[in-house]
Protein backbone atom coordinates (compact mmCIF):
# COMPACT_ATOMS: atom_id res chain seq x y z
CA MET A 1 27.03 45.03 14.80
CA LYS A 2 29.28 41.81 16.37
CA ILE A 3 27.26 42.12 19.14
CA THR A 4 23.72 41.81 17.04
CA ARG A 5 25.35 39.19 15.11
CA LEU A 6 26.40 37.27 18.18
CA PHE A 7 22.74 37.49 19.66
CA VAL A 8 21.21 36.40 16.79
CA PHE A 9 24.09 33.26 16.36
CA LEU A 10 23.27 32.43 19.84
CA PHE A 11 19.00 32.44 19.62
CA CYS A 12 19.46 30.60 16.80
CA ILE A 13 21.41 27.71 18.58
CA HIS A 14 19.23 27.56 21.57
CA SER A 15 16.17 27.32 19.46
CA ALA A 16 17.61 24.63 17.37
CA THR A 17 18.97 23.03 20.78
CA SER A 18 15.61 23.50 22.23
CA MET A 19 13.44 21.86 19.16
CA LEU A 20 15.90 18.96 19.57
CA LEU A 21 14.98 18.52 22.95
CA ALA A 22 11.59 18.73 22.62
CA GLN A 23 10.84 16.18 20.04
CA ASP A 24 11.08 12.34 20.72
CA GLY A 25 13.65 10.23 19.37
CA VAL A 26 13.73 7.92 16.51
CA LEU A 27 10.67 5.04 16.76
CA LEU A 28 11.04 1.23 15.80
CA GLY A 29 8.96 -0.93 15.97
CA VAL A 30 6.47 -3.96 14.61
CA GLN A 31 3.11 -3.76 12.52
CA THR A 32 -0.18 -5.53 11.80
CA GLY A 33 -3.19 -5.18 10.05
CA ALA A 34 -5.96 -6.02 7.95
CA VAL A 35 -6.23 -4.78 4.38
CA VAL A 36 -9.42 -4.16 2.55
CA GLU A 37 -8.58 -3.76 -1.38
CA ARG A 38 -10.85 -3.29 -4.44
CA THR A 39 -10.28 -4.87 -7.81
CA ARG A 40 -12.20 -4.38 -11.06
CA TYR A 41 -10.99 -6.20 -14.19
CA THR A 42 -12.73 -6.68 -17.45
CA TRP A 43 -11.87 -8.98 -20.46
CA LEU A 44 -12.64 -9.70 -23.92
CA ALA A 45 -14.94 -12.83 -22.99
CA MET A 46 -17.30 -10.84 -20.77
CA GLN A 47 -17.24 -7.22 -22.84
CA GLY A 48 -20.83 -6.21 -22.73
CA GLN A 49 -21.49 -7.65 -19.45
CA GLY A 50 -19.78 -4.95 -17.47
CA GLU A 51 -17.07 -4.64 -14.95
CA ILE A 52 -16.16 -6.84 -12.43
CA ALA A 53 -15.52 -5.64 -9.01
CA ASP A 54 -14.71 -7.38 -5.62
CA ASP A 55 -13.80 -6.34 -2.41
CA ARG A 56 -10.91 -8.51 -0.74
CA THR A 57 -10.00 -8.46 2.85
CA THR A 58 -6.39 -9.67 4.08
CA GLY A 59 -3.79 -9.20 6.48
CA MET A 60 -0.61 -7.22 6.51
CA SER A 61 2.54 -7.19 8.44
CA GLY A 62 6.11 -5.42 9.00
CA ILE A 63 7.74 -2.95 10.73
CA LEU A 64 7.73 0.74 11.20
CA LEU A 65 10.26 3.43 11.67
CA VAL A 66 9.34 6.97 12.69
CA PHE A 67 12.40 10.17 12.54
CA PRO A 68 11.19 12.83 13.99
CA VAL A 69 12.39 16.25 11.99
CA SER A 70 10.83 18.82 14.57
CA PRO A 71 8.22 18.59 17.17
CA ARG A 72 5.39 18.21 15.05
CA LEU A 73 6.85 16.66 11.56
CA ALA A 74 8.40 13.13 11.18
CA PHE A 75 9.29 10.94 8.53
CA HIS A 76 7.41 7.80 8.46
CA THR A 77 8.26 4.30 6.61
CA ALA A 78 6.53 0.88 7.37
CA PRO A 79 8.04 -1.77 4.86
CA GLN A 80 5.11 -4.11 4.31
CA PHE A 81 3.87 -7.71 3.05
CA ALA A 82 0.96 -8.21 1.98
CA ARG A 83 -1.50 -10.60 0.23
CA ARG A 84 -3.59 -8.81 -2.83
CA ASN A 85 -5.78 -12.11 -2.27
CA TYR A 86 -7.32 -12.08 -6.35
CA PRO A 87 -7.30 -15.94 -7.23
CA ILE A 88 -9.47 -15.24 -10.40
CA ARG A 89 -11.97 -18.08 -11.66
CA GLU A 90 -14.10 -17.34 -14.46
CA SER A 91 -15.56 -18.41 -17.07
CA ALA A 92 -18.00 -17.64 -20.21
CA ARG A 93 -19.48 -19.22 -23.28
CA SER A 94 -20.21 -17.96 -26.35
CA GLY A 95 -21.81 -20.22 -29.53
CA ASN A 96 -19.33 -22.93 -29.66
CA VAL A 97 -16.63 -21.02 -27.87
CA SER A 98 -15.87 -21.21 -24.39
CA THR A 99 -13.28 -19.40 -22.40
CA THR A 100 -11.83 -19.56 -19.08
CA CYS A 101 -9.59 -16.79 -17.37
CA ASP A 102 -7.45 -18.33 -14.53
CA GLY A 103 -5.14 -17.11 -11.87
CA ASP A 104 -3.73 -17.01 -8.59
CA GLU A 105 -2.79 -14.92 -5.50
CA VAL A 106 -0.60 -12.51 -5.58
CA ASN A 107 1.91 -11.05 -2.67
CA ALA A 108 3.01 -7.45 -2.39
CA LEU A 109 6.01 -5.76 -0.67
CA GLY A 110 5.77 -2.04 -0.40
CA VAL A 111 7.73 0.65 1.11
CA PRO A 112 5.82 4.04 1.92
CA LEU A 113 7.61 7.36 2.42
CA LEU A 114 5.31 9.79 4.28
CA LEU A 115 5.52 13.25 5.98
CA GLY A 116 3.54 13.11 9.05
CA TYR A 117 2.38 15.76 11.48
CA SER A 118 1.30 15.98 14.65
CA PHE A 119 -1.74 17.87 15.90
CA THR A 120 0.12 18.21 19.63
CA THR A 121 3.51 17.50 21.08
CA SER A 122 2.31 16.68 24.79
CA GLY A 123 0.29 14.38 26.51
CA PRO A 124 -0.38 10.61 25.85
CA LEU A 125 -2.50 10.54 22.76
CA ARG A 126 -1.19 12.58 19.77
CA PRO A 127 -3.45 12.58 17.21
CA TYR A 128 -1.62 13.09 13.33
CA ILE A 129 -1.90 13.17 9.52
CA ALA A 130 0.45 12.31 7.01
CA CYS A 131 0.72 11.56 3.44
CA GLY A 132 3.16 10.57 0.39
CA ILE A 133 3.77 7.74 -1.81
CA GLU A 134 4.60 4.05 -1.69
CA PHE A 135 7.23 2.03 -3.99
CA GLY A 136 6.58 -1.74 -4.33
CA MET A 137 6.93 -5.02 -6.03
CA ASN A 138 4.21 -7.73 -6.74
CA LEU A 139 5.48 -11.04 -6.28
CA GLY A 140 4.05 -14.86 -7.21
CA LYS A 141 2.77 -16.15 -9.90
CA LEU A 142 2.28 -12.87 -11.93
CA GLN A 143 0.38 -13.97 -14.67
CA ILE A 144 -3.25 -14.47 -15.89
CA THR A 145 -3.89 -17.21 -18.24
CA ILE A 146 -6.99 -17.18 -20.56
CA ILE A 147 -8.08 -20.06 -22.31
CA GLU A 148 -10.31 -20.64 -25.41
CA HIS A 149 -12.03 -23.65 -26.32
CA HIS A 150 -13.38 -23.66 -29.71
CA GLN A 151 -15.86 -27.02 -30.79
CA SER A 152 -16.66 -27.98 -33.99
CA GLU A 153 -18.81 -30.65 -35.92
CA GLU A 154 -16.06 -31.02 -38.65
CA PRO A 155 -12.63 -32.59 -37.50
CA PRO A 156 -10.49 -31.98 -35.47
CA PHE A 157 -13.58 -31.65 -33.64
CA GLY A 158 -11.97 -29.01 -30.91
CA SER A 159 -8.92 -26.97 -30.60
CA GLN A 160 -7.84 -24.46 -27.70
CA ARG A 161 -6.12 -20.89 -27.70
CA ILE A 162 -4.03 -20.19 -24.85
CA HIS A 163 -3.23 -16.45 -24.18
CA VAL A 164 -1.04 -15.13 -21.18
CA VAL A 165 -1.35 -11.64 -19.65
CA PHE A 166 1.41 -10.83 -17.47
CA LEU A 167 0.68 -8.47 -14.63
CA ASN A 168 3.12 -5.50 -13.31
CA GLN A 169 6.02 -6.26 -11.15
CA LEU A 170 6.52 -2.95 -9.94
CA PHE A 171 4.09 -0.55 -8.52
CA GLY A 172 3.57 3.07 -7.02
CA SER A 173 0.98 4.31 -4.62
CA ALA A 174 -0.44 7.75 -3.33
CA VAL A 175 -0.89 7.40 0.01
CA ILE A 176 -3.12 9.18 2.63
CA GLU A 177 -3.19 8.16 6.31
CA SER A 178 -5.01 9.56 9.71
CA GLY A 179 -4.53 8.05 13.23
CA LEU A 180 -3.31 7.94 17.05
CA HIS A 181 0.16 8.01 18.60
CA ILE A 182 -0.44 6.87 22.08
CA ARG A 183 2.97 7.32 24.29
CA THR A 184 2.27 4.34 27.00
CA SER A 185 5.56 4.57 28.96
CA SER A 186 8.71 6.76 28.28
CA PHE A 187 10.21 4.67 25.49
CA LEU A 188 7.00 2.35 24.20
CA SER A 189 4.38 3.64 22.31
CA VAL A 190 1.30 2.30 20.48
CA LEU A 191 0.27 3.41 16.75
CA LEU A 192 -3.39 3.29 15.60
CA GLY A 193 -3.55 3.97 11.77
CA VAL A 194 -6.16 4.20 8.93
CA ARG A 195 -4.62 4.38 5.04
CA TYR A 196 -6.18 4.88 2.01
CA SER A 197 -3.55 4.03 -1.12
CA ARG A 198 -4.37 4.66 -4.80
CA GLU A 199 -1.80 3.10 -7.29
CA PHE A 200 -0.63 5.02 -10.26
CA ALA A 201 -1.46 2.53 -13.18
CA PRO A 202 -3.11 -0.55 -13.88
CA LEU A 203 -2.24 -3.88 -12.39
CA ALA A 204 -2.45 -5.26 -16.08
CA ASP A 205 -3.69 -3.66 -19.53
CA ASP A 206 -4.02 -6.24 -22.43
CA ARG A 207 -5.97 -6.65 -25.61
CA VAL A 208 -8.04 -9.18 -24.04
CA PHE A 209 -7.74 -8.53 -20.04
CA ARG A 210 -7.34 -5.12 -18.01
CA TRP A 211 -6.76 -5.29 -14.38
CA ASP A 212 -8.05 -1.64 -13.69
CA THR A 213 -6.09 0.70 -11.22
CA PRO A 214 -6.32 -1.42 -7.28
CA SER A 215 -6.99 1.03 -4.40
CA ASN A 216 -7.21 -0.23 -0.57
CA TRP A 217 -7.83 0.50 2.80
CA LYS A 218 -5.55 -0.35 5.71
CA ILE A 219 -6.18 -0.41 9.32
CA ARG A 220 -3.16 -0.67 10.86
CA PHE A 221 -1.90 -1.29 14.54
CA GLY A 222 1.87 -0.99 15.70
CA LEU A 223 4.34 -1.35 18.80
CA MET A 224 6.64 1.05 18.82
CA TYR A 225 10.31 1.57 21.12
CA GLU A 226 11.93 4.93 21.05
CA LEU A 227 15.90 4.34 20.49
CA PRO A 228 18.27 5.95 22.83
CA ARG A 229 19.25 9.54 21.65
C-alpha cells in the first residue's frame, strides 16, 4: 500500500512538472486596435420618430498580460483606453417649442478578465477562444444637456428649460473573443484578436433621454514578450 501511494505521489509530481515545463511563460506586451461601437438612444422630443442608431469607429490602446495555467488554458487581461466618440448634436421642433440635445465625446478605461483556451500547444500558429467579463469606467464629460426653448407672443416672449442627464460612470460587459497567437521567436509573440463586448446596463436611463445598452467589436493587434521563468 505504501509503495502504491508513493508511486501515485511521484506520478502526480511528474505530471505537474511536465505540465509546467510544457506551457509557455507569462506574456507581457502592448496592444492597439480599432473599436466599432453601436449607440442607440431616444429622447422625449423625438418620440414617435423611432430610435436613433449609429455606428462609430475609433481606436484603442493598452497593455496585454497572459498568465498560463495549463498548456491549453490561460488567463487574459488587457487594460485598455478607448474613446466612445459619441458627440451628440440633435435638435427638434414642435409648435412653439424647440429642443436641442448636446453631449461631448466620452472616454472609457476598461479591464477585461478572460479565460482562454488554445486549440494547439505546439507550432508557431495557435488559434484560441476566450470569454469573460470586463469592468470599466467612463471618463470625461459624462452628461447630456437638453434645452427646451419656449417662444410666445406674449411677454416674456421667450423662456428656456435646461435638463441635464448624467451618464453612468461605471460599466460592466460580457466578452467573447477569438484570435490567433503567433510565436515569432522563443520569446516574442504576435496576437491578432476579434472581440465582441456587450454591456450589462444602459449608459443613461432618464425620463427625457435614454441611451441604450452599448455593444462593440474590437479588432486587436498585440506584441508580447515572454518573461523569464
